[in-house]
Protein backbone atom coordinates (compact mmCIF):
# COMPACT_ATOMS: atom_id res chain seq x y z
CA MET A 1 123.66 3.13 97.35
CA ASP A 2 121.33 5.23 94.68
CA LEU A 3 124.13 7.74 93.60
CA LYS A 4 122.06 9.85 91.71
CA SER A 5 120.53 10.45 95.19
CA ILE A 6 123.41 10.85 96.44
CA ALA A 7 124.81 13.06 93.34
CA ASP A 8 121.53 15.28 94.44
CA GLN A 9 122.55 16.04 98.49
CA LEU A 10 125.81 16.28 97.35
CA TYR A 11 125.61 19.21 94.09
CA ALA A 12 122.88 20.88 96.83
CA LEU A 13 125.89 21.29 99.22
CA ARG A 14 128.32 24.87 99.21
CA PRO A 15 131.31 24.06 96.33
CA ALA A 16 133.02 24.55 100.79
CA GLU A 17 131.01 21.82 101.71
CA PHE A 18 131.23 19.36 99.00
CA MET A 19 134.87 17.76 100.20
CA ALA A 20 133.52 16.56 103.06
CA ALA A 21 129.83 15.34 102.75
CA ARG A 22 131.51 13.47 99.69
CA THR A 23 134.64 11.96 101.94
CA GLU A 24 132.14 10.98 104.53
CA PHE A 25 129.44 9.07 101.43
CA VAL A 26 132.44 7.40 100.20
CA ARG A 27 133.52 6.16 103.47
CA SER A 28 129.87 4.95 104.40
CA ALA A 29 130.47 3.22 100.46
CA LYS A 30 133.41 2.04 102.33
CA GLU A 31 132.06 0.31 105.53
CA ALA A 32 128.64 -1.10 103.87
CA GLY A 33 131.40 -3.20 101.28
CA ASP A 34 130.23 -1.65 98.32
CA LYS A 35 133.40 -0.65 96.49
CA GLN A 36 132.11 0.21 93.31
CA ALA A 37 129.59 2.91 94.73
CA ALA A 38 132.50 4.57 96.62
CA THR A 39 135.00 4.23 93.64
CA ALA A 40 132.12 6.10 91.37
CA ILE A 41 131.86 8.78 94.35
CA GLY A 42 134.63 9.39 94.35
CA LYS A 43 134.79 10.33 91.21
CA PHE A 44 132.45 12.94 91.91
CA ARG A 45 134.22 16.94 90.91
CA LYS A 46 133.47 19.63 92.81
CA PRO A 47 131.33 22.42 91.77
CA SER A 48 132.96 25.52 90.26
CA GLN A 49 131.45 28.93 91.11
CA ALA A 50 129.40 28.98 88.17
CA ALA A 51 128.39 25.27 87.80
CA TRP A 52 127.42 25.62 91.96
CA ALA A 53 124.99 29.05 91.06
CA LEU A 54 123.02 26.75 88.08
CA ASN A 55 122.47 24.00 89.98
CA LEU A 56 120.81 26.31 92.88
CA LEU A 57 118.85 28.07 90.15
CA ALA A 58 118.12 24.70 89.03
CA ARG A 59 116.76 23.90 92.28
CA ARG A 60 115.10 26.78 93.34
CA GLU A 61 113.64 28.12 90.31
CA PRO A 62 113.10 25.28 87.61
CA ALA A 63 110.64 27.68 85.38
CA GLU A 64 113.47 29.76 84.58
CA LEU A 65 114.92 27.00 82.39
CA HIS A 66 111.92 26.03 81.02
CA ARG A 67 111.35 29.25 79.83
CA LEU A 68 114.66 29.12 78.51
CA ALA A 69 114.04 25.29 76.90
CA ASN A 70 110.87 26.78 75.14
CA LEU A 71 112.49 30.12 73.71
CA GLY A 72 115.52 27.93 72.59
CA VAL A 73 112.71 26.30 70.84
CA ALA A 74 111.08 29.12 69.09
CA LEU A 75 114.35 30.49 68.29
CA ARG A 76 115.77 27.51 66.41
CA ASP A 77 112.19 27.27 64.34
CA ALA A 78 112.90 30.62 63.35
CA HIS A 79 116.29 29.23 61.79
CA SER A 80 115.03 26.27 60.22
CA ARG A 81 113.08 28.55 58.44
CA PHE A 82 114.87 31.99 58.04
CA ASP A 83 112.24 33.99 59.35
CA GLY A 84 114.16 37.16 59.89
CA GLU A 85 111.52 39.16 61.74
CA SER A 86 110.26 36.49 64.00
CA LEU A 87 114.43 35.87 64.37
CA ARG A 88 114.90 39.91 65.44
CA GLU A 89 111.52 40.08 67.70
CA LEU A 90 113.01 37.14 69.17
CA SER A 91 116.84 38.23 69.65
CA LYS A 92 115.45 40.81 71.65
CA GLN A 93 113.64 38.74 73.85
CA ARG A 94 117.15 36.18 74.09
CA HIS A 95 119.15 38.99 75.58
CA GLN A 96 116.40 39.99 78.19
CA LEU A 97 115.95 36.36 79.40
CA VAL A 98 119.94 35.84 79.71
CA ARG A 99 120.38 38.84 81.66
CA ALA A 100 116.99 38.16 83.60
CA MET A 101 118.43 34.57 84.52
CA ALA A 102 122.11 36.02 84.97
CA ALA A 103 120.33 39.01 87.59
CA GLN A 104 117.93 35.99 89.30
CA VAL A 105 121.71 33.42 89.94
CA ARG A 106 123.41 36.22 91.24
CA SER A 107 120.18 37.16 93.78
CA LEU A 108 120.48 33.96 94.31
CA ALA A 109 123.31 33.40 94.92
CA ALA A 110 123.27 36.39 97.84
CA GLU A 111 120.66 34.92 99.38
CA GLU A 112 123.36 32.27 99.79
CA GLY A 113 126.15 34.25 100.73
CA GLN A 114 127.99 34.48 97.11
CA LYS A 115 129.61 36.65 95.62
CA LEU A 116 130.08 35.74 91.80
CA SER A 117 132.60 37.78 89.77
CA GLU A 118 132.02 39.56 86.45
CA THR A 119 133.89 36.73 84.82
CA VAL A 120 132.09 33.95 86.77
CA MET A 121 128.81 35.50 85.40
CA ARG A 122 130.38 35.79 81.74
CA ASP A 123 130.44 32.17 82.36
CA ILE A 124 127.29 31.24 83.19
CA GLU A 125 125.21 33.27 81.12
CA SER A 126 127.20 31.74 77.94
CA VAL A 127 126.13 28.51 79.41
CA PHE A 128 122.29 29.80 78.83
CA ALA A 129 123.66 31.18 75.01
CA ALA A 130 124.48 27.59 74.58
CA ALA A 131 121.35 26.31 76.02
CA LEU A 132 119.00 28.54 73.06
CA ALA A 133 121.14 26.52 70.84
CA ASP A 134 121.51 22.68 71.80
CA PRO A 135 118.50 21.49 74.73
CA ALA A 136 121.00 18.94 75.29
CA VAL A 137 122.39 21.09 77.61
CA THR A 138 118.80 22.65 79.28
CA GLU A 139 118.56 18.84 80.23
CA VAL A 140 121.49 19.04 81.74
CA LEU A 141 121.11 22.36 84.01
CA ARG A 142 117.99 21.08 84.74
CA ALA A 143 119.31 17.74 86.39
CA GLY A 144 120.96 20.76 88.64
CA THR A 145 123.66 18.14 88.91
CA LEU A 146 126.71 20.31 86.81
CA SER A 147 130.36 20.71 88.47
CA ALA A 148 131.86 22.85 85.52
CA THR A 149 130.47 24.50 82.27
CA ASN A 150 133.37 23.89 80.24
CA ASP A 151 131.56 20.25 80.31
CA LEU A 152 128.67 21.86 78.29
CA SER A 153 129.30 21.90 74.75
CA HIS A 154 129.57 25.76 73.31
CA PRO A 155 127.95 25.84 69.91
CA GLU A 156 128.70 28.56 67.85
CA ALA A 157 126.73 31.91 69.13
CA TRP A 158 123.18 32.57 67.36
CA PRO A 159 124.11 34.97 64.39
CA GLU A 160 122.53 38.04 64.30
CA PRO A 161 118.85 38.74 62.24
CA PRO A 162 119.54 39.92 58.97
CA GLU A 163 118.53 42.87 58.32
CA PRO A 164 115.50 44.12 56.68
CA VAL A 165 116.41 45.20 53.29
CA ILE A 166 115.40 49.20 52.83
CA ASP A 167 113.02 50.14 50.30
CA GLU A 168 113.15 53.25 50.00
CA VAL A 169 109.91 54.25 47.94
CA ALA A 170 107.76 52.47 50.72
CA GLN A 171 110.26 54.09 53.75
CA ARG A 172 109.25 57.55 52.17
CA ARG A 173 105.34 56.46 52.14
CA GLU A 174 105.70 55.18 55.60
CA GLN A 175 107.32 58.17 57.05
CA ARG A 176 104.35 60.18 55.33
CA ALA A 177 102.49 58.06 56.90
CA GLU A 178 103.89 58.97 59.98
CA ARG A 179 103.52 62.28 59.73
CA HIS A 180 99.92 62.46 58.20
CA ARG A 181 99.07 60.50 61.88
CA GLN A 182 101.04 62.66 64.31
CA GLU A 183 99.27 65.86 61.92
CA LEU A 184 96.58 64.29 62.42
CA GLY A 185 96.99 63.30 66.44
CA ARG A 186 97.85 67.17 66.73
CA ALA A 187 94.42 68.34 64.85
CA ARG A 188 92.58 65.49 67.21
CA ALA A 189 93.83 67.08 70.29
CA GLU A 190 93.52 71.07 69.10
CA ALA A 191 89.30 70.12 68.31
CA GLN A 192 89.30 68.35 71.41
CA HIS A 193 90.49 70.40 73.65
CA THR A 194 88.92 73.39 71.59
CA ALA A 195 85.69 71.16 72.31
CA GLU A 196 86.29 71.79 76.17
CA VAL A 197 87.22 74.85 75.16
CA ARG A 198 83.57 75.28 74.48
CA ASP A 199 81.86 73.72 77.34
CA ARG A 200 83.32 75.04 79.86
CA ALA A 201 82.59 78.77 77.86
CA GLN A 202 78.23 76.99 77.21
CA SER A 203 78.05 76.15 81.00
CA ALA A 204 79.89 79.40 82.01
CA LEU A 205 77.08 81.34 79.97
CA ALA A 206 74.10 79.07 81.02
CA ASN A 207 75.36 80.03 84.87
CA ALA A 208 75.40 83.62 83.97
CA GLU A 209 72.03 83.87 81.75
CA GLN A 210 70.00 82.66 84.97
CA LYS A 211 72.25 85.16 86.98
CA ALA A 212 70.74 87.25 85.36
CA GLU A 213 67.57 85.97 84.95
CA ARG A 214 66.97 86.06 88.81
CA ALA A 215 68.73 89.84 89.20
CA ALA A 216 66.05 91.11 86.80
CA ARG A 217 63.32 89.30 89.27
CA GLN A 218 64.56 90.92 92.20
CA VAL A 219 64.69 94.30 89.39
CA GLU A 220 60.75 93.76 89.01
CA GLU A 221 59.75 92.39 93.27
CA LEU A 222 62.03 95.53 94.40
CA THR A 223 60.01 97.96 91.43
CA ALA A 224 56.75 96.57 92.95
CA GLU A 225 57.49 97.13 96.40
CA LEU A 226 59.05 101.01 96.12
CA GLU A 227 55.52 101.38 93.43
CA ARG A 228 53.69 100.49 96.80
CA ALA A 229 56.11 102.45 98.69
CA ARG A 230 55.89 105.85 96.94
CA ALA A 231 52.16 104.96 96.93
CA ALA A 232 51.92 104.83 100.79
CA GLU A 233 53.66 108.30 100.65
CA GLN A 234 51.84 109.57 99.26
CA GLN A 235 48.25 108.06 100.89
CA ALA A 236 49.76 109.16 103.81
CA SER A 237 51.06 112.94 102.95
CA SER A 238 46.95 113.72 101.82
CA GLU A 239 45.85 112.34 105.58
CA VAL A 240 48.47 114.22 107.19
CA ARG A 241 47.10 117.32 104.60
CA GLU A 242 43.69 115.71 106.15
CA ALA A 243 44.60 115.98 109.27
CA ARG A 244 46.42 119.12 109.51
CA ALA A 245 42.78 121.19 107.77
CA VAL A 246 40.82 119.66 111.00
CA PHE A 247 43.85 120.42 113.27
CA ARG A 248 43.28 123.96 112.70
CA THR A 249 39.61 123.88 111.69
CA ALA A 250 39.51 122.52 115.46
CA GLU A 251 41.42 125.36 116.43
CA LYS A 252 40.40 127.92 115.69
CA ALA A 253 36.70 126.74 117.02
CA ALA A 254 38.45 126.51 120.14
CA GLU A 255 40.01 130.24 120.07
CA ARG A 256 36.17 131.36 119.01
CA ALA A 257 34.59 129.07 122.06
CA ARG A 258 37.47 130.89 124.52
CA ARG A 259 37.30 134.43 123.58
CA GLN A 260 33.21 134.14 123.74
CA LEU A 261 34.05 132.34 126.88
CA GLU A 262 36.03 135.43 128.24
CA SER A 263 33.47 138.31 127.17
CA LEU A 264 30.35 136.58 129.97
CA GLU A 265 32.57 136.22 132.36
């Protein structure tokens, strides 16, 4: 019988389902006359809740274990070179990755209806820390057939990266440079603001000048129209005076003609 295939099937199950399935595989091996396989299968241990959750991660999200392995390589390389600056940056990544992977394990377990306790989560995080220090631990995790987390070797925790030696002169110089950068930033912001205000004022001035030109043209047109109206008024007044004179002359002539007619009658 293929023990690896059987192990894969068993450790893909929830812990509550493990024992019954293992018993069935042992029975099948005995019926097939393979006592050696039956004995080996009987030694497969029921996984702890933490081990089951880690097996679930290995099956569902193998890329996460690949990320863990890559970061472990980088950490071990930086430690071997005593590269403090790289270690500080990688340590930040280590904490972020461990927290993110732990949250992912909790989420995967919840999808299977299993709530992981804080104790189990601390156990899982310690396994991730061990995997970062020892590539063999990562390989065990990748197999997805973990039965207990205490089977893994837990190397000493990574030491925190050394703090940089403080150069007070350089620090003051950097502080002055930072103040200068801030002042420069404020000056640039102020220059940009005043330029925007100037541009808006220039645009408003151009609009006002255009309006003034239109108004001036309108005044010129209305003035010319007024002059023409005044001239027409004067012409009409002159025509009225002339018409009145003609009317008075005609009226006098008519009166004389009337009197002459009366005298002849």
